[in-house]
Amino acid sequence: MSSQNIIVDIFYKVATGSKKVRTLLTPIGFSFFFIFVGLLIFLSLWLDRLFGFQQLLSKPLNIAIALPVLIFGSTLILWSILHFLEVKGTPVPFNPPPKLVINGPYAYVRNPMLSGVFITLFGLGIFLQSFSLFFIFVPLFILINYIELKTIEEIELEKRLGKEYLEYKRRIPMFFPRIKRKPEGK
């Protein structure tokens, strides 16, 4: 059995297992995610100083541009989390909603929480005037999440939710909504 299959099986067993274990692992999952994001921000600011990267925008232009981006990204994250909480789930893959969430922002993208995180991080890059956060670490973070979703989470979702998820995955893009929706049946 490959290491990928082992990881997918662990996620599946925990996601479908005891509520006690899921509840215990939820804060650990949140902590890991926020520590990882914090490290990206810290490393980007350190790299900016180390290499003397140019600031993205001067003040107050950076603030004027960053605030709407930060508000939009944060709102998308909150909106997504609220839809998970409505069906008694969390954003942590170990403690997901018991059913597929396809309303609200999930009607437009499969991972609106992460889309909101990406947008928020881009806004933070502008706000902090961080060249490396905006151009290096956020794109790298998007790539890492894409790989993790494709190789682990989506496989676990297919296993747990079956045809319903496969159909949803076929219709709805991963991170960024389609500008124009295709009419049903085409």
Protein backbone atom coordinates (compact mmCIF):
# COMPACT_ATOMS: atom_id res chain seq x y z
CA MET A 1 0.00 0.00 0.00
CA SER A 2 1.40 3.42 -0.96
CA SER A 3 1.95 6.19 1.57
CA GLN A 4 -0.75 8.19 -0.23
CA ASN A 5 -3.28 5.38 0.31
CA ILE A 6 -2.27 5.09 3.97
CA ILE A 7 -2.83 8.84 4.51
CA VAL A 8 -6.17 8.77 2.65
CA ASP A 9 -7.26 5.79 4.77
CA ILE A 10 -6.29 7.60 7.99
CA PHE A 11 -8.31 10.67 6.97
CA TYR A 12 -11.25 8.45 6.01
CA LYS A 13 -11.18 6.42 9.21
CA VAL A 14 -10.98 9.51 11.39
CA ALA A 15 -13.63 11.42 9.37
CA THR A 16 -16.04 8.48 9.65
CA GLY A 17 -14.96 7.38 13.12
CA SER A 18 -15.78 8.38 16.65
CA LYS A 19 -16.91 11.90 17.43
CA LYS A 20 -14.54 11.94 20.42
CA VAL A 21 -11.46 11.42 18.22
CA ARG A 22 -12.68 13.97 15.62
CA THR A 23 -13.30 16.52 18.37
CA LEU A 24 -9.85 15.90 19.83
CA LEU A 25 -8.10 16.28 16.47
CA THR A 26 -9.96 19.43 15.37
CA PRO A 27 -7.91 21.94 17.42
CA ILE A 28 -4.73 20.13 16.38
CA GLY A 29 -5.69 20.53 12.71
CA PHE A 30 -6.53 24.22 13.20
CA SER A 31 -3.26 24.79 15.05
CA PHE A 32 -1.18 23.08 12.38
CA PHE A 33 -2.83 25.15 9.64
CA PHE A 34 -2.38 28.48 11.45
CA ILE A 35 1.22 27.69 12.43
CA PHE A 36 1.98 26.85 8.79
CA VAL A 37 0.38 30.10 7.56
CA GLY A 38 2.20 32.08 10.27
CA LEU A 39 5.51 30.54 9.20
CA LEU A 40 4.86 31.53 5.59
CA ILE A 41 4.24 35.13 6.65
CA PHE A 42 7.27 35.20 8.95
CA LEU A 43 9.54 33.66 6.30
CA SER A 44 8.34 36.08 3.64
CA LEU A 45 9.06 39.13 5.82
CA TRP A 46 12.47 37.69 6.74
CA LEU A 47 13.24 37.01 3.07
CA ASP A 48 12.18 40.55 2.11
CA ARG A 49 14.67 41.97 4.64
CA LEU A 50 17.42 39.48 3.83
CA PHE A 51 17.39 40.18 0.09
CA GLY A 52 16.21 43.79 0.30
CA PHE A 53 13.17 43.15 -1.89
CA GLN A 54 11.33 46.22 -3.08
CA GLN A 55 8.14 47.08 -1.22
CA LEU A 56 5.04 46.37 -3.27
CA LEU A 57 3.23 49.66 -2.83
CA SER A 58 3.93 52.77 -0.81
CA LYS A 59 1.77 53.88 2.11
CA PRO A 60 -1.16 54.74 2.12
CA LEU A 61 -1.84 53.13 -1.27
CA ASN A 62 -1.04 49.69 0.12
CA ILE A 63 -3.62 50.14 2.88
CA ALA A 64 -6.28 51.45 0.49
CA ILE A 65 -5.86 48.42 -1.76
CA ALA A 66 -5.26 45.82 0.98
CA LEU A 67 -8.27 46.58 3.18
CA PRO A 68 -10.99 45.66 0.64
CA VAL A 69 -9.00 42.55 -0.34
CA LEU A 70 -8.61 41.53 3.32
CA ILE A 71 -12.28 42.17 4.04
CA PHE A 72 -13.39 40.18 0.98
CA GLY A 73 -11.10 37.24 1.77
CA SER A 74 -12.07 37.17 5.45
CA THR A 75 -15.77 37.39 4.60
CA LEU A 76 -15.44 34.46 2.21
CA ILE A 77 -13.70 32.39 4.90
CA LEU A 78 -16.38 33.21 7.48
CA TRP A 79 -19.24 32.56 5.04
CA SER A 80 -17.73 29.16 4.18
CA ILE A 81 -17.19 28.17 7.81
CA LEU A 82 -20.77 29.11 8.69
CA HIS A 83 -22.07 26.73 6.02
CA PHE A 84 -19.97 23.92 7.49
CA LEU A 85 -21.13 24.67 11.03
CA GLU A 86 -24.79 24.62 9.92
CA VAL A 87 -24.46 20.92 9.11
CA LYS A 88 -22.35 20.16 12.21
CA GLY A 89 -18.94 20.01 10.55
CA THR A 90 -15.68 21.92 10.76
CA PRO A 91 -13.13 23.10 8.18
CA VAL A 92 -10.65 20.56 9.53
CA PRO A 93 -10.53 17.48 7.25
CA PHE A 94 -10.53 15.19 10.30
CA ASN A 95 -13.92 16.55 11.38
CA PRO A 96 -15.79 17.35 8.15
CA PRO A 97 -19.51 17.90 7.68
CA PRO A 98 -21.39 14.59 7.56
CA LYS A 99 -22.82 15.48 4.15
CA LEU A 100 -21.69 17.35 1.06
CA VAL A 101 -22.15 21.11 1.37
CA ILE A 102 -23.14 22.58 -2.00
CA ASN A 103 -24.89 25.82 -1.09
CA GLY A 104 -23.62 29.33 -0.40
CA PRO A 105 -20.04 29.79 -1.63
CA TYR A 106 -19.81 26.03 -2.25
CA ALA A 107 -22.21 26.49 -5.19
CA TYR A 108 -19.41 28.38 -6.98
CA VAL A 109 -16.16 26.70 -5.85
CA ARG A 110 -15.34 23.47 -4.04
CA ASN A 111 -12.89 25.10 -1.62
CA PRO A 112 -14.13 28.62 -0.87
CA MET A 113 -12.45 28.65 2.55
CA LEU A 114 -9.06 28.16 0.94
CA SER A 115 -9.92 30.67 -1.78
CA GLY A 116 -10.66 33.13 1.03
CA VAL A 117 -7.35 32.28 2.72
CA PHE A 118 -5.49 32.83 -0.56
CA ILE A 119 -7.20 36.19 -1.11
CA THR A 120 -6.54 37.20 2.50
CA LEU A 121 -2.86 36.27 2.18
CA PHE A 122 -2.54 38.30 -1.03
CA GLY A 123 -4.17 41.21 0.83
CA LEU A 124 -1.72 40.72 3.70
CA GLY A 125 1.15 40.78 1.23
CA ILE A 126 -0.07 44.14 -0.04
CA PHE A 127 -0.72 45.47 3.47
CA LEU A 128 2.70 44.37 4.75
CA GLN A 129 4.34 45.55 1.52
CA SER A 130 5.88 42.10 1.18
CA PHE A 131 7.17 41.22 -2.27
CA SER A 132 7.98 37.64 -1.30
CA LEU A 133 4.64 36.98 0.40
CA PHE A 134 2.72 38.23 -2.62
CA PHE A 135 4.87 36.74 -5.39
CA ILE A 136 6.56 33.70 -3.81
CA PHE A 137 4.89 32.35 -0.68
CA VAL A 138 1.19 32.77 -1.53
CA PRO A 139 1.61 31.09 -4.95
CA LEU A 140 3.68 28.36 -3.24
CA PHE A 141 0.93 27.98 -0.60
CA ILE A 142 -1.68 27.65 -3.36
CA LEU A 143 0.42 24.97 -5.07
CA ILE A 144 0.92 23.03 -1.82
CA ASN A 145 -2.82 23.12 -1.10
CA TYR A 146 -3.65 22.08 -4.65
CA ILE A 147 -1.34 19.06 -4.41
CA GLU A 148 -2.69 18.08 -0.97
CA LEU A 149 -6.30 18.40 -2.12
CA LYS A 150 -5.74 16.39 -5.31
CA THR A 151 -3.68 13.63 -3.70
CA ILE A 152 -5.44 13.22 -0.34
CA GLU A 153 -8.60 15.17 0.46
CA GLU A 154 -10.43 14.72 -2.83
CA ILE A 155 -9.69 11.00 -2.87
CA GLU A 156 -11.03 10.72 0.70
CA LEU A 157 -14.14 12.72 -0.27
CA GLU A 158 -14.74 10.44 -3.25
CA LYS A 159 -14.42 7.42 -0.96
CA ARG A 160 -16.70 8.89 1.71
CA LEU A 161 -19.30 10.69 -0.41
CA GLY A 162 -19.19 8.64 -3.63
CA LYS A 163 -21.05 9.63 -6.78
CA GLU A 164 -22.52 12.75 -5.23
CA TYR A 165 -19.02 14.21 -4.74
CA LEU A 166 -17.82 13.04 -8.17
CA GLU A 167 -20.74 14.87 -9.82
CA TYR A 168 -20.11 17.98 -7.70
CA LYS A 169 -16.40 17.85 -8.56
CA ARG A 170 -17.24 17.60 -12.26
CA ARG A 171 -19.50 20.68 -12.15
CA ILE A 172 -17.77 23.01 -9.69
CA PRO A 173 -14.20 24.38 -10.03
CA MET A 174 -11.67 23.92 -7.22
CA PHE A 175 -10.71 27.47 -6.17
CA PHE A 176 -11.89 30.13 -8.60
CA PRO A 177 -15.46 30.45 -9.90
CA ARG A 178 -16.20 30.32 -13.59
CA ILE A 179 -17.06 33.68 -15.04
CA LYS A 180 -19.87 32.25 -17.12
CA ARG A 181 -21.64 29.08 -16.05
CA LYS A 182 -22.33 26.43 -18.65
CA PRO A 183 -26.04 25.68 -19.10
CA GLU A 184 -26.98 22.34 -17.54
CA GLY A 185 -26.71 19.42 -19.94
CA LYS A 186 -24.00 20.94 -22.16
